[in-house]
Amino acid sequence: MERKVFSRRVALITGGVKRLGFTIARAIAAEGAEIIVTYFQSAPAEAKRAVAELERAGAETAHAYKCDLASLKSLRAFCAALERKHPRIDYLVNSAATFPREKFFEASPATFDATFALNARAPFFLSQYVAIGMKRDGFGRIINIADVAAYLPWPSYLAYSMSKAAVVAMTKGLAKALAPEILVNAIAPGPVLLPEHYDSMDLKKAVEPTVLKRQGAPEDVASAVVFLLQSDYITGSTLPVDGGRMIR
């Protein structure tokens, strides 16, 4: 039997129970890794179904943990659980995020802080935790899910755009801080998985600025994640998966 690419590797994907995070987790599972996913707002039954599907997809085994990553207390408790149950993490994909819509003059400190807590602070401190073991083991890969909004901010999503710009900066800084054992990269998706409340007009506005004039798919991002996890000579980079949005 042919050995899968990620056999005997352990991958942690935040927000991996639904939407983009789940698609990424499934792509890594298909290559034989042990999968750990986090969730918070999803129901336990949904998390259980995700675990079963990840194992059917090819994961050596899969686990789901409920964690409010925006809470430092909850994040610390999760890291303690990892230390007990999963002392080795080979791959970390920071995918969990919040996407609040607030126009500038309507923006509130509470929403701003909550956005940065989940989108920027949580990946920073979770990376800090897993990097200790990765350094010890002499191997690690960290992938941060950014957004083209880091470079092309959206006026109605300024806090989100700023938080994703922080993710891009963090990626470069961690690549320097954690080399040579740990490679750190990011992916900046374009319109691949739009908010559920978007209508046809919103979709048109999102797709029109791309060169390809069409929406991408979550699988496009997942394929890029798998590619970067396999790389031995790419670090500190942010890969756009945006249909050419950033060159318009």
Protein backbone atom coordinates (compact mmCIF):
# COMPACT_ATOMS: atom_id res chain seq x y z
CA MET A 1 0.00 0.00 0.00
CA GLU A 2 1.37 3.42 -0.98
CA ARG A 3 2.24 5.60 1.99
CA LYS A 4 0.28 8.85 2.13
CA VAL A 5 2.10 12.19 2.19
CA PHE A 6 1.22 13.09 5.78
CA SER A 7 1.26 9.61 7.35
CA ARG A 8 2.34 9.73 11.00
CA ARG A 9 2.01 13.52 11.08
CA VAL A 10 -0.32 15.39 13.45
CA ALA A 11 -2.19 18.44 12.14
CA LEU A 12 -4.12 21.01 14.17
CA ILE A 13 -6.64 23.14 12.26
CA THR A 14 -8.53 25.84 14.12
CA GLY A 15 -12.13 26.37 13.09
CA GLY A 16 -11.91 23.02 11.35
CA VAL A 17 -15.48 21.81 11.83
CA LYS A 18 -17.14 23.79 9.04
CA ARG A 19 -16.65 26.00 6.00
CA LEU A 20 -13.07 26.72 4.91
CA GLY A 21 -11.44 25.21 7.99
CA PHE A 22 -13.20 21.91 7.44
CA THR A 23 -12.25 21.81 3.76
CA ILE A 24 -8.61 22.35 4.74
CA ALA A 25 -8.82 19.67 7.43
CA ARG A 26 -10.35 17.21 4.97
CA ALA A 27 -7.57 17.82 2.41
CA ILE A 28 -4.92 17.13 5.04
CA ALA A 29 -6.86 14.12 6.30
CA ALA A 30 -6.89 12.68 2.78
CA GLU A 31 -3.10 12.50 3.01
CA GLY A 32 -3.23 10.35 6.13
CA ALA A 33 -2.47 12.77 8.98
CA GLU A 34 -3.95 12.60 12.45
CA ILE A 35 -6.35 15.54 12.61
CA ILE A 36 -7.23 17.83 15.49
CA VAL A 37 -9.85 20.53 14.91
CA THR A 38 -11.29 23.23 17.11
CA TYR A 39 -14.79 24.66 17.11
CA PHE A 40 -16.80 27.06 19.25
CA GLN A 41 -20.16 28.07 17.83
CA SER A 42 -20.91 24.77 16.10
CA ALA A 43 -23.08 22.23 17.88
CA PRO A 44 -21.38 19.15 19.39
CA ALA A 45 -23.31 16.96 16.95
CA GLU A 46 -21.85 18.92 14.04
CA ALA A 47 -18.36 18.46 15.46
CA LYS A 48 -18.99 14.73 15.83
CA ARG A 49 -20.10 14.49 12.19
CA ALA A 50 -17.01 16.41 11.09
CA VAL A 51 -14.74 13.99 12.96
CA ALA A 52 -16.44 11.00 11.34
CA GLU A 53 -16.13 12.55 7.88
CA LEU A 54 -12.46 13.39 8.40
CA GLU A 55 -11.77 9.79 9.32
CA ARG A 56 -13.67 8.59 6.27
CA ALA A 57 -11.60 11.00 4.17
CA GLY A 58 -8.42 9.24 5.26
CA ALA A 59 -7.33 10.68 8.60
CA GLU A 60 -5.40 8.26 10.77
CA THR A 61 -7.71 9.47 13.52
CA ALA A 62 -9.56 12.73 14.21
CA HIS A 63 -10.47 14.74 17.30
CA ALA A 64 -12.57 17.86 17.89
CA TYR A 65 -12.20 20.23 20.84
CA LYS A 66 -14.54 23.06 21.77
CA CYS A 67 -12.52 26.18 22.50
CA ASP A 68 -13.18 29.90 22.52
CA LEU A 69 -9.86 30.90 21.01
CA ALA A 70 -10.63 34.57 21.58
CA SER A 71 -10.51 33.93 25.34
CA LEU A 72 -7.01 33.66 26.78
CA LYS A 73 -8.35 31.48 29.60
CA SER A 74 -9.98 29.07 27.14
CA LEU A 75 -6.89 29.09 24.91
CA ARG A 76 -4.63 28.21 27.83
CA ALA A 77 -6.95 25.36 28.85
CA PHE A 78 -6.90 24.04 25.28
CA CYS A 79 -3.09 24.15 25.17
CA ALA A 80 -3.00 22.25 28.46
CA ALA A 81 -5.29 19.59 26.96
CA LEU A 82 -3.01 19.34 23.93
CA GLU A 83 -0.02 18.84 26.22
CA ARG A 84 -1.77 15.92 27.90
CA LYS A 85 -3.35 14.25 24.89
CA HIS A 86 -1.38 15.39 21.82
CA PRO A 87 2.15 16.34 22.90
CA ARG A 88 3.38 16.43 19.30
CA ILE A 89 1.94 18.80 16.69
CA ASP A 90 3.63 18.80 13.28
CA TYR A 91 1.31 21.15 11.40
CA LEU A 92 -0.71 24.11 12.61
CA VAL A 93 -3.24 25.83 10.36
CA ASN A 94 -4.68 28.99 11.92
CA SER A 95 -8.01 29.22 10.11
CA ALA A 96 -10.59 30.29 12.71
CA ALA A 97 -11.75 33.87 12.21
CA THR A 98 -14.58 36.30 12.68
CA PHE A 99 -15.84 38.59 9.92
CA PRO A 100 -17.90 41.41 11.45
CA ARG A 101 -19.39 44.05 9.20
CA GLU A 102 -19.20 47.54 10.70
CA LYS A 103 -18.86 50.82 8.88
CA PHE A 104 -16.13 53.06 10.24
CA PHE A 105 -18.36 55.52 12.09
CA GLU A 106 -20.38 52.64 13.55
CA ALA A 107 -17.37 50.63 14.75
CA SER A 108 -17.34 49.74 18.43
CA PRO A 109 -14.36 49.00 20.69
CA ALA A 110 -15.96 45.70 21.71
CA THR A 111 -16.20 44.42 18.13
CA PHE A 112 -12.73 45.71 17.31
CA ASP A 113 -11.20 43.93 20.30
CA ALA A 114 -13.12 40.71 19.65
CA THR A 115 -11.98 40.69 16.03
CA PHE A 116 -8.32 41.07 16.91
CA ALA A 117 -8.61 38.58 19.78
CA LEU A 118 -9.69 35.78 17.44
CA ASN A 119 -8.09 36.75 14.14
CA ALA A 120 -4.66 37.91 15.34
CA ARG A 121 -4.03 37.24 19.04
CA ALA A 122 -5.20 33.62 19.03
CA PRO A 123 -2.96 32.55 16.09
CA PHE A 124 -0.02 34.33 17.73
CA PHE A 125 -0.25 32.58 21.08
CA LEU A 126 -1.30 29.22 19.68
CA SER A 127 1.74 29.38 17.38
CA GLN A 128 3.85 30.26 20.42
CA TYR A 129 2.62 27.14 22.19
CA VAL A 130 3.01 24.63 19.33
CA ALA A 131 6.37 26.08 18.29
CA ILE A 132 7.92 24.91 21.57
CA GLY A 133 7.30 21.29 20.62
CA MET A 134 8.15 21.84 16.98
CA LYS A 135 11.52 23.31 17.95
CA ARG A 136 12.10 20.40 20.31
CA ASP A 137 11.31 17.90 17.57
CA GLY A 138 13.26 19.80 14.92
CA PHE A 139 10.30 20.07 12.52
CA GLY A 140 7.17 22.12 12.07
CA ARG A 141 4.94 23.93 9.63
CA ILE A 142 2.59 26.81 10.45
CA ILE A 143 0.08 28.12 7.91
CA ASN A 144 -1.93 31.27 8.66
CA ILE A 145 -5.09 32.03 6.73
CA ALA A 146 -4.95 35.73 5.90
CA ASP A 147 -7.07 37.51 3.27
CA VAL A 148 -6.63 39.81 0.28
CA ALA A 149 -8.28 42.39 2.55
CA ALA A 150 -4.92 42.64 4.31
CA TYR A 151 -3.68 44.41 1.19
CA LEU A 152 -6.96 45.81 -0.19
CA PRO A 153 -8.97 46.80 2.90
CA TRP A 154 -12.76 46.82 2.74
CA PRO A 155 -14.33 50.00 4.16
CA SER A 156 -17.19 48.12 5.83
CA TYR A 157 -14.82 45.52 7.32
CA LEU A 158 -11.92 47.64 8.53
CA ALA A 159 -11.30 45.81 11.81
CA TYR A 160 -11.26 42.51 9.93
CA SER A 161 -8.95 43.89 7.24
CA MET A 162 -6.57 45.28 9.86
CA SER A 163 -6.52 41.98 11.75
CA LYS A 164 -5.59 40.10 8.58
CA ALA A 165 -2.82 42.62 7.85
CA ALA A 166 -1.51 41.74 11.31
CA VAL A 167 -1.58 38.06 10.32
CA VAL A 168 0.60 38.81 7.27
CA ALA A 169 3.09 40.72 9.43
CA MET A 170 3.04 37.94 12.03
CA THR A 171 3.80 35.37 9.32
CA LYS A 172 6.94 37.20 8.26
CA GLY A 173 8.06 37.72 11.85
CA LEU A 174 7.47 34.12 12.90
CA ALA A 175 9.30 32.84 9.82
CA LYS A 176 12.37 34.70 11.02
CA ALA A 177 11.92 33.86 14.71
CA LEU A 178 11.31 30.12 14.22
CA ALA A 179 13.76 29.25 11.42
CA PRO A 180 15.31 26.94 10.48
CA GLU A 181 13.24 24.13 12.05
CA ILE A 182 9.81 25.67 11.50
CA LEU A 183 8.52 27.09 8.22
CA VAL A 184 5.76 29.69 8.48
CA ASN A 185 3.62 30.86 5.58
CA ALA A 186 0.20 32.38 4.94
CA ILE A 187 -2.50 32.18 2.31
CA ALA A 188 -4.57 35.19 1.26
CA PRO A 189 -7.87 33.94 -0.19
CA GLY A 190 -10.00 36.09 -2.44
CA PRO A 191 -13.70 35.37 -3.09
CA VAL A 192 -13.63 31.63 -2.50
CA LEU A 193 -16.22 31.26 0.27
CA LEU A 194 -18.42 34.28 0.80
CA PRO A 195 -20.49 35.01 3.92
CA GLU A 196 -23.75 33.12 4.05
CA HIS A 197 -25.78 36.36 4.07
CA TYR A 198 -24.36 37.54 0.72
CA ASP A 199 -26.85 37.82 -2.13
CA SER A 200 -26.27 37.72 -5.89
CA MET A 201 -25.35 41.41 -5.99
CA ASP A 202 -22.77 40.94 -3.24
CA LEU A 203 -21.31 38.00 -5.17
CA LYS A 204 -21.08 40.10 -8.32
CA LYS A 205 -19.26 42.88 -6.46
CA ALA A 206 -16.80 40.38 -4.97
CA VAL A 207 -16.04 38.60 -8.25
CA GLU A 208 -15.86 41.58 -10.63
CA PRO A 209 -12.45 42.85 -9.42
CA THR A 210 -10.79 39.47 -10.06
CA VAL A 211 -8.94 38.76 -13.30
CA LEU A 212 -10.68 35.41 -13.71
CA LYS A 213 -14.14 36.93 -13.22
CA ARG A 214 -15.41 34.03 -11.17
CA GLN A 215 -15.62 32.77 -7.62
CA GLY A 216 -13.05 30.29 -6.40
CA ALA A 217 -13.69 27.28 -4.19
CA PRO A 218 -12.57 26.36 -0.67
CA GLU A 219 -10.70 23.44 -2.25
CA ASP A 220 -8.44 25.95 -4.02
CA VAL A 221 -7.26 27.20 -0.64
CA ALA A 222 -7.00 23.69 0.79
CA SER A 223 -4.78 22.61 -2.12
CA ALA A 224 -2.51 25.58 -1.44
CA VAL A 225 -2.28 24.60 2.23
CA VAL A 226 -1.25 21.05 1.32
CA PHE A 227 1.35 22.44 -1.09
CA LEU A 228 2.90 24.71 1.55
CA LEU A 229 2.89 21.99 4.20
CA GLN A 230 4.98 19.85 1.87
CA SER A 231 7.45 22.61 1.00
CA ASP A 232 10.96 22.53 2.43
CA TYR A 233 12.12 25.88 1.04
CA ILE A 234 9.27 28.39 1.29
CA THR A 235 8.90 30.45 4.44
CA GLY A 236 7.69 33.94 5.29
CA SER A 237 5.52 34.09 2.18
CA THR A 238 1.85 34.94 1.71
CA LEU A 239 0.35 33.13 -1.24
CA PRO A 240 -2.68 34.80 -2.87
CA VAL A 241 -5.44 32.41 -3.89
CA ASP A 242 -7.64 35.14 -5.28
CA GLY A 243 -8.33 34.73 -8.98
CA GLY A 244 -5.93 37.58 -9.69
CA ARG A 245 -7.69 40.08 -7.42
CA MET A 246 -4.44 41.56 -6.14
CA ILE A 247 -3.03 42.35 -9.58
CA ARG A 248 -6.05 44.36 -10.71
